[in-house]
């Protein structure tokens, strides 16, 4: 993999992560705003595990890849493009933490908001570092 592709992929993944963090922030804010609404179910955003699976498919190419001679044949391996992975909002229907059917724990949501903000800051710093490396090479 050449430097240009590595830089582009890294910056693209950081941007996607930052976009997911913005979505996660709005989901957490929605959960906190509805913390006292009866029968409200909290939501969360799933993204990182699917992204990890997509990135692992790049490395897991089988030693013997089957040749497809007909469009109806099922391949033994498919590489999954990480750019196709989208964040998903998931409702938590399983748990209930209050007598009114609501399952939002304010302390847990505030901790999630703090963790999300720290992760966003870390990604912004990583992106700054990536561009500073390119800037240093161009000087």
N, C-alpha and C. Protein backbone atom coordinates (compact mmCIF):
# COMPACT_ATOMS: atom_id res chain seq x y z
N UNK A 1 0.86 -1.17 0.00
CA UNK A 1 0.00 0.00 0.00
C UNK A 1 0.90 1.24 0.00
N UNK A 2 0.64 2.17 -0.91
CA UNK A 2 1.50 3.35 -0.95
C UNK A 2 1.05 4.40 0.05
N UNK A 3 1.88 5.43 0.21
CA UNK A 3 1.63 6.44 1.24
C UNK A 3 0.35 7.21 0.98
N UNK A 4 0.07 7.52 -0.28
CA UNK A 4 -1.13 8.29 -0.60
C UNK A 4 -2.39 7.53 -0.20
N UNK A 5 -2.47 6.26 -0.52
CA UNK A 5 -3.65 5.47 -0.15
C UNK A 5 -3.77 5.33 1.36
N UNK A 6 -2.64 5.14 2.05
CA UNK A 6 -2.66 5.01 3.50
C UNK A 6 -3.14 6.30 4.15
N UNK A 7 -2.64 7.44 3.70
CA UNK A 7 -3.06 8.74 4.23
C UNK A 7 -4.54 8.97 3.97
N UNK A 8 -4.98 8.72 2.74
CA UNK A 8 -6.37 8.94 2.37
C UNK A 8 -7.31 8.07 3.20
N UNK A 9 -6.95 6.81 3.36
CA UNK A 9 -7.79 5.90 4.13
C UNK A 9 -7.85 6.32 5.60
N UNK A 10 -6.71 6.70 6.15
CA UNK A 10 -6.67 7.12 7.55
C UNK A 10 -7.53 8.36 7.78
N UNK A 11 -7.38 9.36 6.94
CA UNK A 11 -8.15 10.59 7.09
C UNK A 11 -9.64 10.32 6.88
N UNK A 12 -9.96 9.47 5.91
CA UNK A 12 -11.36 9.13 5.67
C UNK A 12 -11.97 8.42 6.87
N UNK A 13 -11.23 7.49 7.47
CA UNK A 13 -11.75 6.78 8.64
C UNK A 13 -11.90 7.72 9.83
N UNK A 14 -10.99 8.66 10.00
CA UNK A 14 -11.11 9.63 11.09
C UNK A 14 -12.35 10.49 10.87
N UNK A 15 -12.57 10.95 9.64
CA UNK A 15 -13.77 11.75 9.34
C UNK A 15 -15.04 10.97 9.62
N UNK A 16 -15.07 9.71 9.20
CA UNK A 16 -16.25 8.88 9.44
C UNK A 16 -16.47 8.69 10.94
N UNK A 17 -15.40 8.48 11.69
CA UNK A 17 -15.51 8.34 13.14
C UNK A 17 -16.03 9.61 13.80
N UNK A 18 -15.57 10.76 13.33
CA UNK A 18 -16.04 12.02 13.88
C UNK A 18 -17.52 12.24 13.55
N UNK A 19 -17.94 11.87 12.35
CA UNK A 19 -19.35 11.99 11.98
C UNK A 19 -20.22 11.08 12.87
N UNK A 20 -19.74 9.88 13.13
CA UNK A 20 -20.48 8.96 14.00
C UNK A 20 -20.56 9.53 15.42
N UNK A 21 -19.49 10.17 15.88
CA UNK A 21 -19.52 10.77 17.21
C UNK A 21 -20.54 11.90 17.29
N UNK A 22 -20.69 12.67 16.22
CA UNK A 22 -21.72 13.71 16.21
C UNK A 22 -23.12 13.11 16.28
N UNK A 23 -23.34 12.02 15.55
CA UNK A 23 -24.63 11.33 15.62
C UNK A 23 -24.84 10.77 17.03
N UNK A 24 -23.80 10.18 17.60
CA UNK A 24 -23.90 9.61 18.94
C UNK A 24 -24.21 10.70 19.96
N UNK A 25 -23.64 11.88 19.79
CA UNK A 25 -23.91 12.98 20.71
C UNK A 25 -25.39 13.37 20.67
N UNK A 26 -25.97 13.42 19.48
CA UNK A 26 -27.39 13.78 19.39
C UNK A 26 -28.27 12.67 19.98
N UNK A 27 -27.88 11.41 19.81
CA UNK A 27 -28.64 10.30 20.40
C UNK A 27 -28.58 10.36 21.92
N UNK A 28 -27.41 10.64 22.47
CA UNK A 28 -27.26 10.75 23.92
C UNK A 28 -28.08 11.92 24.45
N UNK A 29 -28.04 13.05 23.73
CA UNK A 29 -28.84 14.21 24.14
C UNK A 29 -30.33 13.89 24.13
N UNK A 30 -30.76 13.14 23.11
CA UNK A 30 -32.16 12.73 23.05
C UNK A 30 -32.52 11.81 24.22
N UNK A 31 -31.61 10.89 24.54
CA UNK A 31 -31.85 10.00 25.69
C UNK A 31 -31.99 10.80 26.98
N UNK A 32 -31.09 11.77 27.18
CA UNK A 32 -31.15 12.58 28.40
C UNK A 32 -32.39 13.45 28.44
N UNK A 33 -32.81 13.98 27.31
CA UNK A 33 -33.99 14.84 27.27
C UNK A 33 -35.25 14.05 27.61
N UNK A 34 -35.25 12.76 27.33
CA UNK A 34 -36.43 11.92 27.58
C UNK A 34 -36.25 10.99 28.78
N UNK A 35 -35.38 11.37 29.70
CA UNK A 35 -35.07 10.51 30.85
C UNK A 35 -36.26 10.28 31.77
N UNK A 36 -37.23 11.16 31.77
CA UNK A 36 -38.39 11.02 32.67
C UNK A 36 -39.68 10.71 31.93
N UNK A 37 -39.61 10.47 30.63
CA UNK A 37 -40.81 10.17 29.85
C UNK A 37 -41.19 8.70 30.07
N UNK A 38 -42.43 8.43 30.45
CA UNK A 38 -42.84 7.04 30.67
C UNK A 38 -42.72 6.20 29.39
N UNK A 39 -42.23 4.98 29.56
CA UNK A 39 -42.08 3.99 28.49
C UNK A 39 -41.12 4.40 27.38
N UNK A 40 -40.29 5.41 27.61
CA UNK A 40 -39.27 5.77 26.61
C UNK A 40 -38.13 4.77 26.68
N UNK A 41 -37.67 4.32 25.53
CA UNK A 41 -36.55 3.39 25.45
C UNK A 41 -35.34 4.11 24.86
N UNK A 42 -34.23 3.95 25.54
CA UNK A 42 -33.00 4.63 25.11
C UNK A 42 -32.47 4.03 23.82
N UNK A 43 -31.72 4.84 23.09
CA UNK A 43 -31.10 4.41 21.85
C UNK A 43 -29.59 4.48 22.01
N UNK A 44 -28.90 3.73 21.17
CA UNK A 44 -27.45 3.83 21.09
C UNK A 44 -27.04 3.65 19.64
N UNK A 45 -25.81 4.01 19.34
CA UNK A 45 -25.30 3.95 17.97
C UNK A 45 -24.27 2.83 17.88
N UNK A 46 -24.47 1.92 16.93
CA UNK A 46 -23.51 0.84 16.67
C UNK A 46 -22.77 1.15 15.37
N UNK A 47 -21.45 1.17 15.44
CA UNK A 47 -20.67 1.44 14.24
C UNK A 47 -19.32 0.73 14.26
N UNK A 48 -18.62 0.82 15.37
CA UNK A 48 -17.23 0.37 15.43
C UNK A 48 -17.08 -1.12 15.16
N UNK A 49 -17.99 -1.94 15.68
CA UNK A 49 -17.86 -3.39 15.49
C UNK A 49 -18.04 -3.77 14.02
N UNK A 50 -18.97 -3.13 13.33
CA UNK A 50 -19.16 -3.41 11.90
C UNK A 50 -17.98 -2.92 11.09
N UNK A 51 -17.42 -1.77 11.47
CA UNK A 51 -16.24 -1.25 10.78
C UNK A 51 -15.06 -2.20 10.96
N UNK A 52 -14.92 -2.74 12.15
CA UNK A 52 -13.83 -3.68 12.42
C UNK A 52 -13.99 -4.94 11.55
N UNK A 53 -15.22 -5.45 11.46
CA UNK A 53 -15.45 -6.64 10.62
C UNK A 53 -15.14 -6.36 9.15
N UNK A 54 -15.51 -5.17 8.68
CA UNK A 54 -15.23 -4.82 7.28
C UNK A 54 -13.73 -4.71 7.04
N UNK A 55 -13.00 -4.14 7.98
CA UNK A 55 -11.55 -4.01 7.82
C UNK A 55 -10.86 -5.36 7.90
N UNK A 56 -11.40 -6.28 8.68
CA UNK A 56 -10.80 -7.61 8.79
C UNK A 56 -10.97 -8.43 7.53
N UNK A 57 -12.00 -8.14 6.74
CA UNK A 57 -12.18 -8.90 5.50
C UNK A 57 -11.07 -8.63 4.50
N UNK A 58 -10.41 -7.48 4.63
CA UNK A 58 -9.28 -7.18 3.74
C UNK A 58 -8.12 -8.13 3.98
N UNK A 59 -7.97 -8.60 5.21
CA UNK A 59 -6.85 -9.46 5.58
C UNK A 59 -7.17 -10.94 5.46
N UNK A 60 -8.44 -11.29 5.44
CA UNK A 60 -8.84 -12.69 5.54
C UNK A 60 -9.09 -13.35 4.19
N UNK A 61 -8.41 -12.92 3.16
CA UNK A 61 -8.59 -13.54 1.84
C UNK A 61 -8.17 -15.00 1.95
N UNK A 62 -9.02 -15.95 1.50
CA UNK A 62 -8.68 -17.37 1.62
C UNK A 62 -7.52 -17.76 0.69
N UNK A 63 -6.85 -18.82 1.06
CA UNK A 63 -5.73 -19.30 0.25
C UNK A 63 -6.23 -19.77 -1.11
N UNK A 64 -7.42 -20.33 -1.15
CA UNK A 64 -7.99 -20.82 -2.40
C UNK A 64 -9.31 -20.11 -2.63
N UNK A 65 -9.31 -19.22 -3.60
CA UNK A 65 -10.53 -18.49 -3.92
C UNK A 65 -11.20 -19.18 -5.10
N UNK A 66 -12.48 -19.47 -4.96
CA UNK A 66 -13.21 -20.20 -5.99
C UNK A 66 -13.51 -19.30 -7.18
N UNK A 67 -13.44 -19.87 -8.37
CA UNK A 67 -13.77 -19.15 -9.59
C UNK A 67 -15.27 -19.28 -9.83
N UNK A 68 -15.90 -18.16 -10.12
CA UNK A 68 -17.33 -18.14 -10.37
C UNK A 68 -17.55 -18.18 -11.88
N UNK A 69 -18.22 -19.22 -12.34
CA UNK A 69 -18.49 -19.36 -13.77
C UNK A 69 -19.93 -19.01 -14.12
N UNK A 70 -20.72 -18.77 -13.12
CA UNK A 70 -22.12 -18.44 -13.33
C UNK A 70 -22.51 -17.39 -12.30
N UNK A 71 -23.34 -16.41 -12.65
CA UNK A 71 -23.74 -15.38 -11.68
C UNK A 71 -24.51 -15.93 -10.49
N UNK A 72 -25.06 -17.13 -10.61
CA UNK A 72 -25.82 -17.74 -9.52
C UNK A 72 -24.92 -18.44 -8.51
N UNK A 73 -23.64 -18.58 -8.83
CA UNK A 73 -22.72 -19.22 -7.90
C UNK A 73 -22.49 -18.33 -6.69
N UNK A 74 -22.31 -18.99 -5.57
CA UNK A 74 -22.06 -18.26 -4.32
C UNK A 74 -20.55 -18.23 -4.08
N UNK A 75 -19.97 -17.03 -3.94
CA UNK A 75 -18.52 -16.97 -3.70
C UNK A 75 -18.17 -17.44 -2.29
N UNK A 76 -16.96 -17.95 -2.13
CA UNK A 76 -16.53 -18.39 -0.80
C UNK A 76 -15.95 -17.24 0.03
N UNK A 77 -15.81 -16.07 -0.59
CA UNK A 77 -15.26 -14.92 0.12
C UNK A 77 -15.67 -13.64 -0.59
N UNK A 78 -16.02 -12.63 0.18
CA UNK A 78 -16.33 -11.31 -0.37
C UNK A 78 -15.62 -10.27 0.47
N UNK A 79 -14.86 -9.43 -0.18
CA UNK A 79 -14.23 -8.32 0.54
C UNK A 79 -15.30 -7.26 0.75
N UNK A 80 -15.35 -6.73 1.96
CA UNK A 80 -16.34 -5.72 2.30
C UNK A 80 -15.64 -4.37 2.38
N UNK A 81 -16.15 -3.41 1.67
CA UNK A 81 -15.56 -2.08 1.65
C UNK A 81 -15.95 -1.34 2.94
N UNK A 82 -14.96 -0.80 3.64
CA UNK A 82 -15.24 -0.11 4.91
C UNK A 82 -16.10 1.13 4.69
N UNK A 83 -16.10 1.69 3.48
CA UNK A 83 -16.89 2.89 3.20
C UNK A 83 -18.39 2.58 3.11
N UNK A 84 -18.74 1.31 2.98
CA UNK A 84 -20.15 0.93 2.93
C UNK A 84 -20.78 0.77 4.31
N UNK A 85 -19.97 0.77 5.35
CA UNK A 85 -20.48 0.59 6.71
C UNK A 85 -21.13 1.90 7.17
N UNK A 86 -22.37 1.78 7.62
CA UNK A 86 -23.12 2.93 8.10
C UNK A 86 -23.45 2.77 9.57
N UNK A 87 -23.49 3.87 10.32
CA UNK A 87 -23.89 3.77 11.73
C UNK A 87 -25.37 3.40 11.83
N UNK A 88 -25.70 2.63 12.87
CA UNK A 88 -27.08 2.21 13.09
C UNK A 88 -27.54 2.65 14.47
N UNK A 89 -28.72 3.24 14.52
CA UNK A 89 -29.35 3.55 15.81
C UNK A 89 -30.12 2.32 16.26
N UNK A 90 -29.86 1.90 17.49
CA UNK A 90 -30.49 0.69 18.01
C UNK A 90 -31.24 1.04 19.29
N UNK A 91 -32.50 0.62 19.37
CA UNK A 91 -33.29 0.82 20.58
C UNK A 91 -33.04 -0.31 21.56
N UNK A 92 -32.94 0.02 22.83
CA UNK A 92 -32.75 -0.97 23.89
C UNK A 92 -34.11 -1.32 24.47
N UNK A 93 -34.74 -2.37 23.94
CA UNK A 93 -36.05 -2.80 24.43
C UNK A 93 -35.95 -3.77 25.61
N UNK A 94 -34.76 -4.28 25.86
CA UNK A 94 -34.60 -5.36 26.83
C UNK A 94 -34.64 -4.85 28.27
N UNK A 95 -33.93 -3.78 28.55
CA UNK A 95 -33.78 -3.34 29.94
C UNK A 95 -34.85 -2.32 30.34
N UNK A 96 -35.14 -2.29 31.62
CA UNK A 96 -36.02 -1.30 32.23
C UNK A 96 -35.43 -0.94 33.57
N UNK A 97 -35.11 0.34 33.77
CA UNK A 97 -34.46 0.71 35.03
C UNK A 97 -35.39 1.50 35.95
N UNK A 98 -36.55 1.89 35.46
CA UNK A 98 -37.48 2.66 36.28
C UNK A 98 -38.85 1.99 36.27
N UNK A 99 -39.66 2.33 37.26
CA UNK A 99 -40.99 1.72 37.38
C UNK A 99 -41.94 2.16 36.26
N UNK A 100 -41.64 3.31 35.63
CA UNK A 100 -42.53 3.80 34.57
C UNK A 100 -42.20 3.23 33.19
N UNK A 101 -41.29 2.25 33.12
CA UNK A 101 -40.94 1.62 31.85
C UNK A 101 -39.80 2.28 31.12
N UNK A 102 -39.33 3.39 31.64
CA UNK A 102 -38.20 4.11 31.03
C UNK A 102 -36.90 3.39 31.40
N UNK A 103 -35.95 3.34 30.48
CA UNK A 103 -34.68 2.67 30.78
C UNK A 103 -33.46 3.58 30.64
N UNK A 104 -33.66 4.89 30.74
CA UNK A 104 -32.54 5.83 30.64
C UNK A 104 -31.95 6.06 32.02
N UNK A 105 -30.69 5.76 32.17
CA UNK A 105 -29.94 6.05 33.39
C UNK A 105 -29.12 7.31 33.13
N UNK A 106 -29.46 8.40 33.79
CA UNK A 106 -28.83 9.68 33.52
C UNK A 106 -27.32 9.65 33.75
N UNK A 107 -26.87 8.98 34.78
CA UNK A 107 -25.43 8.90 35.05
C UNK A 107 -24.71 8.16 33.92
N UNK A 108 -25.29 7.07 33.47
CA UNK A 108 -24.69 6.31 32.38
C UNK A 108 -24.65 7.14 31.11
N UNK A 109 -25.68 7.90 30.83
CA UNK A 109 -25.72 8.72 29.62
C UNK A 109 -24.71 9.86 29.69
N UNK A 110 -24.54 10.45 30.86
CA UNK A 110 -23.56 11.53 31.01
C UNK A 110 -22.15 10.98 30.86
N UNK A 111 -21.90 9.79 31.39
CA UNK A 111 -20.58 9.16 31.19
C UNK A 111 -20.35 8.84 29.72
N UNK A 112 -21.38 8.39 29.03
CA UNK A 112 -21.26 8.11 27.60
C UNK A 112 -21.00 9.39 26.83
N UNK A 113 -21.64 10.49 27.23
CA UNK A 113 -21.40 11.78 26.58
C UNK A 113 -19.97 12.25 26.79
N UNK A 114 -19.45 12.06 27.99
CA UNK A 114 -18.08 12.45 28.28
C UNK A 114 -17.09 11.60 27.47
N UNK A 115 -17.32 10.30 27.45
CA UNK A 115 -16.46 9.40 26.67
C UNK A 115 -16.51 9.76 25.18
N UNK A 116 -17.70 10.07 24.68
CA UNK A 116 -17.87 10.45 23.29
C UNK A 116 -17.11 11.74 22.98
N UNK A 117 -17.18 12.72 23.88
CA UNK A 117 -16.47 13.98 23.66
C UNK A 117 -14.96 13.77 23.67
N UNK A 118 -14.47 12.95 24.58
CA UNK A 118 -13.03 12.67 24.63
C UNK A 118 -12.56 11.95 23.37
N UNK A 119 -13.38 11.03 22.88
CA UNK A 119 -13.03 10.32 21.65
C UNK A 119 -13.02 11.27 20.46
N UNK A 120 -13.95 12.19 20.41
CA UNK A 120 -13.99 13.18 19.33
C UNK A 120 -12.74 14.05 19.36
N UNK A 121 -12.35 14.48 20.55
CA UNK A 121 -11.14 15.30 20.70
C UNK A 121 -9.91 14.52 20.27
N UNK A 122 -9.84 13.25 20.64
CA UNK A 122 -8.72 12.41 20.24
C UNK A 122 -8.65 12.26 18.73
N UNK A 123 -9.78 12.07 18.09
CA UNK A 123 -9.79 11.95 16.63
C UNK A 123 -9.40 13.26 15.95
N UNK A 124 -9.83 14.39 16.51
CA UNK A 124 -9.43 15.68 15.95
C UNK A 124 -7.91 15.86 16.06
N UNK A 125 -7.34 15.43 17.18
CA UNK A 125 -5.89 15.51 17.33
C UNK A 125 -5.18 14.56 16.38
N UNK A 126 -5.73 13.38 16.15
CA UNK A 126 -5.13 12.43 15.21
C UNK A 126 -5.16 12.99 13.80
N UNK A 127 -6.24 13.65 13.44
CA UNK A 127 -6.31 14.25 12.11
C UNK A 127 -5.32 15.40 11.98
N UNK A 128 -5.18 16.20 13.01
CA UNK A 128 -4.18 17.27 13.00
C UNK A 128 -2.78 16.69 12.82
N UNK A 129 -2.50 15.59 13.50
CA UNK A 129 -1.19 14.94 13.37
C UNK A 129 -0.96 14.45 11.95
N UNK A 130 -1.97 13.83 11.34
CA UNK A 130 -1.83 13.32 9.97
C UNK A 130 -1.49 14.45 9.00
N UNK A 131 -2.20 15.56 9.12
CA UNK A 131 -1.94 16.68 8.22
C UNK A 131 -0.61 17.36 8.54
N UNK A 132 -0.19 17.36 9.79
CA UNK A 132 1.11 17.94 10.11
C UNK A 132 2.24 17.10 9.53
N UNK A 133 2.05 15.77 9.47
CA UNK A 133 3.05 14.91 8.84
C UNK A 133 3.18 15.22 7.35
N UNK A 134 2.06 15.41 6.68
CA UNK A 134 2.09 15.75 5.26
C UNK A 134 2.70 17.13 5.07
N UNK A 135 2.35 18.05 5.94
CA UNK A 135 2.90 19.40 5.87
C UNK A 135 4.41 19.38 6.04
N UNK A 136 4.90 18.55 6.94
CA UNK A 136 6.34 18.44 7.17
C UNK A 136 7.03 17.87 5.94
N UNK A 137 6.43 16.92 5.27
CA UNK A 137 7.02 16.34 4.06
C UNK A 137 7.05 17.37 2.94
N UNK A 138 6.03 18.20 2.85
CA UNK A 138 5.97 19.17 1.77
C UNK A 138 6.92 20.35 1.95
N UNK A 139 7.42 20.57 3.14
CA UNK A 139 8.35 21.70 3.37
C UNK A 139 9.68 21.43 2.79
